[in-house]
């Protein structure tokens, strides 16, 4: 495991376990619309180092573990960190915009950042396959990426479960844009994958008003 990834995981574990034990700490640094609008902008980033429980933390860190190194191999550590933290911020900003009329809406987790890293990995490694625990055959990574984004879009619209779907979407968008900016050659070399991943993002913005109603 790359040292940068290890440090991110350690920071997430430390912040999350602090939040598990200290409710005041958790409430102070979680993502919540009202306090952020009033000026507590630190929550846009600090919420990415808190999780609701150990399962939530484990899933996010396991996903990061699997997909971080393939990204680092292509873009290097500084650009990987830009994708991780840029996607984290993009996820928070997207959630802030979508839920701006809900002052008590709150969320935590590194899901936005991890989603951005996942999208970067798919764009940089278009031939990559994923193996799911309950599906015995490999799934093309781009199929998973598009499918999960569509699930998040509909989940955000229907408010499925206690999940921050909007931060997933914002993180994916952040990872998509940042990867193209930081590694622009993929626009030519992996053009088809870039187009496939762009389609649901474009459609979401076209029908944005319907999603908010």
C-alpha atoms as a PDB file:
ATOM      1  CA  UNK A   1       0.000   0.000   0.000  1.00  0.00           C
ATOM      2  CA  UNK A   2       1.255   3.456  -0.898  1.00  0.00           C
ATOM      3  CA  UNK A   3       2.218   5.613   2.097  1.00  0.00           C
ATOM      4  CA  UNK A   4      -0.161   8.417   1.058  1.00  0.00           C
ATOM      5  CA  UNK A   5      -3.087   5.985   0.948  1.00  0.00           C
ATOM      6  CA  UNK A   6      -2.080   4.533   4.317  1.00  0.00           C
ATOM      7  CA  UNK A   7      -2.036   8.021   5.872  1.00  0.00           C
ATOM      8  CA  UNK A   8      -5.499   8.777   4.473  1.00  0.00           C
ATOM      9  CA  UNK A   9      -6.834   5.520   5.906  1.00  0.00           C
ATOM     10  CA  UNK A  10      -5.226   6.238   9.289  1.00  0.00           C
ATOM     11  CA  UNK A  11      -6.762   9.729   9.316  1.00  0.00           C
ATOM     12  CA  UNK A  12     -10.193   8.286   8.498  1.00  0.00           C
ATOM     13  CA  UNK A  13      -9.916   5.611  11.176  1.00  0.00           C
ATOM     14  CA  UNK A  14      -8.707   8.106  13.790  1.00  0.00           C
ATOM     15  CA  UNK A  15     -11.380  10.695  12.978  1.00  0.00           C
ATOM     16  CA  UNK A  16     -14.158   8.129  12.769  1.00  0.00           C
ATOM     17  CA  UNK A  17     -13.321   6.380  16.047  1.00  0.00           C
ATOM     18  CA  UNK A  18     -13.069   9.766  17.752  1.00  0.00           C
ATOM     19  CA  UNK A  19     -16.545  10.512  16.416  1.00  0.00           C
ATOM     20  CA  UNK A  20     -17.879   7.134  17.567  1.00  0.00           C
ATOM     21  CA  UNK A  21     -16.859   7.904  21.151  1.00  0.00           C
ATOM     22  CA  UNK A  22     -17.346  11.686  21.265  1.00  0.00           C
ATOM     23  CA  UNK A  23     -20.786  12.821  20.096  1.00  0.00           C
ATOM     24  CA  UNK A  24     -19.919  16.512  20.485  1.00  0.00           C
ATOM     25  CA  UNK A  25     -16.910  16.052  18.177  1.00  0.00           C
ATOM     26  CA  UNK A  26     -19.083  14.229  15.648  1.00  0.00           C
ATOM     27  CA  UNK A  27     -21.748  16.947  15.676  1.00  0.00           C
ATOM     28  CA  UNK A  28     -19.160  19.718  15.382  1.00  0.00           C
ATOM     29  CA  UNK A  29     -17.466  18.367  12.264  1.00  0.00           C
ATOM     30  CA  UNK A  30     -20.198  16.481  10.369  1.00  0.00           C
ATOM     31  CA  UNK A  31     -21.670  17.860   7.135  1.00  0.00           C
ATOM     32  CA  UNK A  32     -24.805  19.848   7.931  1.00  0.00           C
ATOM     33  CA  UNK A  33     -26.424  22.420   5.670  1.00  0.00           C
ATOM     34  CA  UNK A  34     -27.414  25.024   8.278  1.00  0.00           C
ATOM     35  CA  UNK A  35     -24.030  25.484   9.986  1.00  0.00           C
ATOM     36  CA  UNK A  36     -22.169  25.415   6.647  1.00  0.00           C
ATOM     37  CA  UNK A  37     -24.357  28.179   5.228  1.00  0.00           C
ATOM     38  CA  UNK A  38     -23.678  30.181   8.400  1.00  0.00           C
ATOM     39  CA  UNK A  39     -19.940  29.956   7.766  1.00  0.00           C
ATOM     40  CA  UNK A  40     -18.647  26.661   9.151  1.00  0.00           C
ATOM     41  CA  UNK A  41     -16.953  25.694   5.871  1.00  0.00           C
ATOM     42  CA  UNK A  42     -14.527  23.287   7.576  1.00  0.00           C
ATOM     43  CA  UNK A  43     -17.398  20.788   7.640  1.00  0.00           C
ATOM     44  CA  UNK A  44     -17.131  20.430   3.860  1.00  0.00           C
ATOM     45  CA  UNK A  45     -13.838  18.573   4.392  1.00  0.00           C
ATOM     46  CA  UNK A  46     -13.938  17.369   8.001  1.00  0.00           C
ATOM     47  CA  UNK A  47     -17.108  15.346   7.365  1.00  0.00           C
ATOM     48  CA  UNK A  48     -15.070  13.200   4.983  1.00  0.00           C
ATOM     49  CA  UNK A  49     -13.097  11.823   7.938  1.00  0.00           C
ATOM     50  CA  UNK A  50     -16.147  10.771   9.960  1.00  0.00           C
ATOM     51  CA  UNK A  51     -18.349   7.698   9.478  1.00  0.00           C
ATOM     52  CA  UNK A  52     -21.603   6.518  11.004  1.00  0.00           C
ATOM     53  CA  UNK A  53     -20.276   3.118  12.068  1.00  0.00           C
ATOM     54  CA  UNK A  54     -17.443   0.642  11.581  1.00  0.00           C
ATOM     55  CA  UNK A  55     -19.130  -1.033   8.609  1.00  0.00           C
ATOM     56  CA  UNK A  56     -19.435   2.285   6.788  1.00  0.00           C
ATOM     57  CA  UNK A  57     -15.791   3.046   7.519  1.00  0.00           C
ATOM     58  CA  UNK A  58     -14.589  -0.422   6.473  1.00  0.00           C
ATOM     59  CA  UNK A  59     -16.435  -0.366   3.125  1.00  0.00           C
ATOM     60  CA  UNK A  60     -15.077   3.055   2.169  1.00  0.00           C
ATOM     61  CA  UNK A  61     -11.506   2.263   3.176  1.00  0.00           C
ATOM     62  CA  UNK A  62     -11.585  -1.153   1.461  1.00  0.00           C
ATOM     63  CA  UNK A  63     -12.759   0.473  -1.776  1.00  0.00           C
ATOM     64  CA  UNK A  64     -10.044   3.105  -1.473  1.00  0.00           C
ATOM     65  CA  UNK A  65      -7.442   0.388  -0.850  1.00  0.00           C
ATOM     66  CA  UNK A  66      -8.384  -1.449  -4.056  1.00  0.00           C
ATOM     67  CA  UNK A  67      -8.583   1.555  -6.384  1.00  0.00           C
ATOM     68  CA  UNK A  68      -6.039   4.080  -5.107  1.00  0.00           C
ATOM     69  CA  UNK A  69      -2.862   2.357  -6.313  1.00  0.00           C
ATOM     70  CA  UNK A  70      -4.041   1.971  -9.949  1.00  0.00           C
ATOM     71  CA  UNK A  71      -4.638   5.730 -10.006  1.00  0.00           C
ATOM     72  CA  UNK A  72      -1.284   6.540  -8.393  1.00  0.00           C
ATOM     73  CA  UNK A  73       0.517   4.355 -10.956  1.00  0.00           C
ATOM     74  CA  UNK A  74      -0.762   6.624 -13.732  1.00  0.00           C
ATOM     75  CA  UNK A  75      -0.808  10.119 -12.225  1.00  0.00           C
ATOM     76  CA  UNK A  76       1.538  10.006  -9.210  1.00  0.00           C
ATOM     77  CA  UNK A  77       0.924  10.896  -5.583  1.00  0.00           C
ATOM     78  CA  UNK A  78       0.385  14.704  -5.844  1.00  0.00           C
ATOM     79  CA  UNK A  79      -2.261  14.328  -8.560  1.00  0.00           C
ATOM     80  CA  UNK A  80      -3.874  11.412  -6.739  1.00  0.00           C
ATOM     81  CA  UNK A  81      -4.206  13.598  -3.641  1.00  0.00           C
ATOM     82  CA  UNK A  82      -5.704  16.354  -5.796  1.00  0.00           C
ATOM     83  CA  UNK A  83      -8.285  13.866  -7.106  1.00  0.00           C
ATOM     84  CA  UNK A  84      -9.060  12.519  -3.614  1.00  0.00           C
ATOM     85  CA  UNK A  85      -9.496  15.845  -1.845  1.00  0.00           C
ATOM     86  CA  UNK A  86     -10.982  17.552  -4.906  1.00  0.00           C
ATOM     87  CA  UNK A  87     -13.608  14.818  -5.165  1.00  0.00           C
ATOM     88  CA  UNK A  88     -14.312  15.037  -1.438  1.00  0.00           C
ATOM     89  CA  UNK A  89     -14.923  18.769  -1.766  1.00  0.00           C
ATOM     90  CA  UNK A  90     -16.942  18.311  -4.978  1.00  0.00           C
ATOM     91  CA  UNK A  91     -19.177  15.795  -3.212  1.00  0.00           C
ATOM     92  CA  UNK A  92     -19.797  18.166  -0.327  1.00  0.00           C
ATOM     93  CA  UNK A  93     -20.479  21.139  -2.611  1.00  0.00           C
ATOM     94  CA  UNK A  94     -22.887  19.132  -4.746  1.00  0.00           C
ATOM     95  CA  UNK A  95     -24.748  17.979  -1.621  1.00  0.00           C
ATOM     96  CA  UNK A  96     -24.772  21.547  -0.310  1.00  0.00           C
ATOM     97  CA  UNK A  97     -26.345  22.784  -3.529  1.00  0.00           C
ATOM     98  CA  UNK A  98     -28.888  19.976  -3.847  1.00  0.00           C
ATOM     99  CA  UNK A  99     -30.022  20.115  -0.198  1.00  0.00           C
ATOM    100  CA  UNK A 100     -29.625  23.894   0.234  1.00  0.00           C
ATOM    101  CA  UNK A 101     -33.266  24.251   1.364  1.00  0.00           C
ATOM    102  CA  UNK A 102     -32.874  21.563   4.056  1.00  0.00           C
ATOM    103  CA  UNK A 103     -30.955  23.186   6.958  1.00  0.00           C
ATOM    104  CA  UNK A 104     -30.993  20.001   9.041  1.00  0.00           C
ATOM    105  CA  UNK A 105     -29.722  17.697   6.294  1.00  0.00           C
ATOM    106  CA  UNK A 106     -26.504  16.058   7.471  1.00  0.00           C
ATOM    107  CA  UNK A 107     -24.065  13.430   6.233  1.00  0.00           C
ATOM    108  CA  UNK A 108     -20.636  11.979   6.917  1.00  0.00           C
ATOM    109  CA  UNK A 109     -18.176   9.710   5.162  1.00  0.00           C
ATOM    110  CA  UNK A 110     -15.379   9.550   2.617  1.00  0.00           C
ATOM    111  CA  UNK A 111     -17.757   8.253  -0.055  1.00  0.00           C
ATOM    112  CA  UNK A 112     -17.444  11.329  -2.291  1.00  0.00           C
ATOM    113  CA  UNK A 113     -13.647  11.134  -2.292  1.00  0.00           C
ATOM    114  CA  UNK A 114     -13.672   7.359  -2.801  1.00  0.00           C
ATOM    115  CA  UNK A 115     -16.182   7.661  -5.636  1.00  0.00           C
ATOM    116  CA  UNK A 116     -13.881  10.171  -7.335  1.00  0.00           C
ATOM    117  CA  UNK A 117     -10.933   7.783  -7.009  1.00  0.00           C
ATOM    118  CA  UNK A 118     -13.068   4.935  -8.359  1.00  0.00           C
ATOM    119  CA  UNK A 119     -14.046   7.001 -11.405  1.00  0.00           C
ATOM    120  CA  UNK A 120     -10.415   7.978 -11.957  1.00  0.00           C
ATOM    121  CA  UNK A 121      -9.385   4.310 -11.811  1.00  0.00           C
ATOM    122  CA  UNK A 122     -12.053   3.362 -14.359  1.00  0.00           C
ATOM    123  CA  UNK A 123     -11.022   6.149 -16.741  1.00  0.00           C
ATOM    124  CA  UNK A 124      -7.327   5.320 -16.468  1.00  0.00           C
ATOM    125  CA  UNK A 125      -7.801   1.542 -16.613  1.00  0.00           C
ATOM    126  CA  UNK A 126     -10.738   0.979 -18.998  1.00  0.00           C
ATOM    127  CA  UNK A 127     -10.082  -2.764 -19.234  1.00  0.00           C
ATOM    128  CA  UNK A 128     -10.328  -3.277 -15.475  1.00  0.00           C
ATOM    129  CA  UNK A 129     -12.912  -5.772 -14.200  1.00  0.00           C
ATOM    130  CA  UNK A 130     -14.555  -5.894 -10.784  1.00  0.00           C
ATOM    131  CA  UNK A 131     -15.551  -8.974  -8.812  1.00  0.00           C
ATOM    132  CA  UNK A 132     -18.556  -8.626  -6.528  1.00  0.00           C
ATOM    133  CA  UNK A 133     -19.118 -10.947  -3.575  1.00  0.00           C
ATOM    134  CA  UNK A 134     -22.538 -12.081  -4.811  1.00  0.00           C
ATOM    135  CA  UNK A 135     -21.821 -12.200  -8.579  1.00  0.00           C
ATOM    136  CA  UNK A 136     -19.459 -15.007  -9.734  1.00  0.00           C
ATOM    137  CA  UNK A 137     -18.479 -13.327 -13.010  1.00  0.00           C
ATOM    138  CA  UNK A 138     -16.263 -10.261 -13.612  1.00  0.00           C
ATOM    139  CA  UNK A 139     -18.053  -6.963 -14.237  1.00  0.00           C
ATOM    140  CA  UNK A 140     -16.471  -4.359 -16.541  1.00  0.00           C
ATOM    141  CA  UNK A 141     -15.534  -1.429 -14.355  1.00  0.00           C
ATOM    142  CA  UNK A 142     -17.318   1.115 -16.548  1.00  0.00           C
ATOM    143  CA  UNK A 143     -20.579  -0.859 -16.230  1.00  0.00           C
ATOM    144  CA  UNK A 144     -20.269  -0.717 -12.451  1.00  0.00           C
ATOM    145  CA  UNK A 145     -19.378   2.997 -12.548  1.00  0.00           C
ATOM    146  CA  UNK A 146     -22.353   3.971 -14.715  1.00  0.00           C
ATOM    147  CA  UNK A 147     -24.699   1.659 -12.818  1.00  0.00           C
ATOM    148  CA  UNK A 148     -23.689   2.983  -9.427  1.00  0.00           C
ATOM    149  CA  UNK A 149     -23.995   6.585 -10.585  1.00  0.00           C
ATOM    150  CA  UNK A 150     -27.505   5.926 -11.947  1.00  0.00           C
ATOM    151  CA  UNK A 151     -28.424   4.234  -8.668  1.00  0.00           C
ATOM    152  CA  UNK A 152     -27.141   7.290  -6.774  1.00  0.00           C
ATOM    153  CA  UNK A 153     -29.090   9.680  -9.008  1.00  0.00           C
ATOM    154  CA  UNK A 154     -32.365   7.838  -8.479  1.00  0.00           C
ATOM    155  CA  UNK A 155     -31.530   7.313  -4.810  1.00  0.00           C
ATOM    156  CA  UNK A 156     -31.023  11.052  -4.407  1.00  0.00           C
ATOM    157  CA  UNK A 157     -34.342  11.760  -6.123  1.00  0.00           C
ATOM    158  CA  UNK A 158     -36.299   9.157  -4.144  1.00  0.00           C
ATOM    159  CA  UNK A 159     -34.275   9.632  -0.925  1.00  0.00           C
ATOM    160  CA  UNK A 160     -33.557   5.920  -0.665  1.00  0.00           C
ATOM    161  CA  UNK A 161     -32.132   4.843   2.649  1.00  0.00           C
ATOM    162  CA  UNK A 162     -29.886   6.731   5.036  1.00  0.00           C
ATOM    163  CA  UNK A 163     -27.244   7.280   2.336  1.00  0.00           C
ATOM    164  CA  UNK A 164     -25.619  10.498   1.075  1.00  0.00           C
ATOM    165  CA  UNK A 165     -26.369   9.828  -2.572  1.00  0.00           C
ATOM    166  CA  UNK A 166     -25.689  13.446  -3.537  1.00  0.00           C
ATOM    167  CA  UNK A 167     -22.118  13.306  -2.242  1.00  0.00           C
ATOM    168  CA  UNK A 168     -21.520  10.129  -4.268  1.00  0.00           C
ATOM    169  CA  UNK A 169     -22.665  11.938  -7.402  1.00  0.00           C
ATOM    170  CA  UNK A 170     -20.612  15.052  -6.684  1.00  0.00           C
ATOM    171  CA  UNK A 171     -17.549  12.936  -5.946  1.00  0.00           C
ATOM    172  CA  UNK A 172     -17.932  11.034  -9.215  1.00  0.00           C
ATOM    173  CA  UNK A 173     -18.236  14.298 -11.132  1.00  0.00           C
ATOM    174  CA  UNK A 174     -15.209  15.689  -9.334  1.00  0.00           C
ATOM    175  CA  UNK A 175     -13.142  12.592 -10.106  1.00  0.00           C
ATOM    176  CA  UNK A 176     -14.284  12.620 -13.727  1.00  0.00           C
ATOM    177  CA  UNK A 177     -13.352  16.253 -14.341  1.00  0.00           C
ATOM    178  CA  UNK A 178     -10.133  16.249 -12.321  1.00  0.00           C
ATOM    179  CA  UNK A 179      -8.832  13.109 -14.022  1.00  0.00           C
ATOM    180  CA  UNK A 180      -9.293  14.695 -17.438  1.00  0.00           C
ATOM    181  CA  UNK A 181      -7.634  17.903 -16.279  1.00  0.00           C
ATOM    182  CA  UNK A 182      -4.681  16.148 -14.657  1.00  0.00           C
ATOM    183  CA  UNK A 183      -4.233  13.395 -17.255  1.00  0.00           C
ATOM    184  CA  UNK A 184      -5.704  14.911 -20.455  1.00  0.00           C
ATOM    185  CA  UNK A 185      -4.305  12.250 -22.787  1.00  0.00           C
ATOM    186  CA  UNK A 186      -7.112   9.884 -21.711  1.00  0.00           C
ATOM    187  CA  UNK A 187      -9.558  12.057 -23.656  1.00  0.00           C
ATOM    188  CA  UNK A 188      -7.885  10.645 -26.767  1.00  0.00           C
ATOM    189  CA  UNK A 189      -6.592   7.256 -25.634  1.00  0.00           C
ATOM    190  CA  UNK A 190      -9.719   6.237 -23.672  1.00  0.00           C
ATOM    191  CA  UNK A 191     -12.267   8.316 -25.551  1.00  0.00           C
ATOM    192  CA  UNK A 192     -15.056   5.711 -25.507  1.00  0.00           C
ATOM    193  CA  UNK A 193     -14.893   5.211 -21.735  1.00  0.00           C
ATOM    194  CA  UNK A 194     -14.853   8.973 -21.171  1.00  0.00           C
ATOM    195  CA  UNK A 195     -17.984   9.339 -23.315  1.00  0.00           C
ATOM    196  CA  UNK A 196     -19.774   6.433 -21.608  1.00  0.00           C
ATOM    197  CA  UNK A 197     -19.099   7.867 -18.147  1.00  0.00           C
ATOM    198  CA  UNK A 198     -20.026  11.381 -19.271  1.00  0.00           C
ATOM    199  CA  UNK A 199     -23.500  10.466 -20.561  1.00  0.00           C
ATOM    200  CA  UNK A 200     -25.286   9.987 -17.181  1.00  0.00           C
ATOM    201  CA  UNK A 201     -23.570  13.091 -15.789  1.00  0.00           C
ATOM    202  CA  UNK A 202     -24.735  15.214 -18.719  1.00  0.00           C
ATOM    203  CA  UNK A 203     -28.264  13.799 -18.554  1.00  0.00           C
ATOM    204  CA  UNK A 204     -28.408  14.513 -14.829  1.00  0.00           C
ATOM    205  CA  UNK A 205     -27.634  18.190 -15.395  1.00  0.00           C
ATOM    206  CA  UNK A 206     -30.152  18.378 -18.248  1.00  0.00           C
ATOM    207  CA  UNK A 207     -32.903  17.023 -15.986  1.00  0.00           C
ATOM    208  CA  UNK A 208     -31.614  18.699 -12.813  1.00  0.00           C
ATOM    209  CA  UNK A 209     -34.850  20.602 -12.189  1.00  0.00           C
ATOM    210  CA  UNK A 210     -36.898  17.395 -12.265  1.00  0.00           C
ATOM    211  CA  UNK A 211     -34.562  15.750  -9.780  1.00  0.00           C
ATOM    212  CA  UNK A 212     -35.028  18.623  -7.330  1.00  0.00           C
ATOM    213  CA  UNK A 213     -38.830  18.511  -7.522  1.00  0.00           C
END
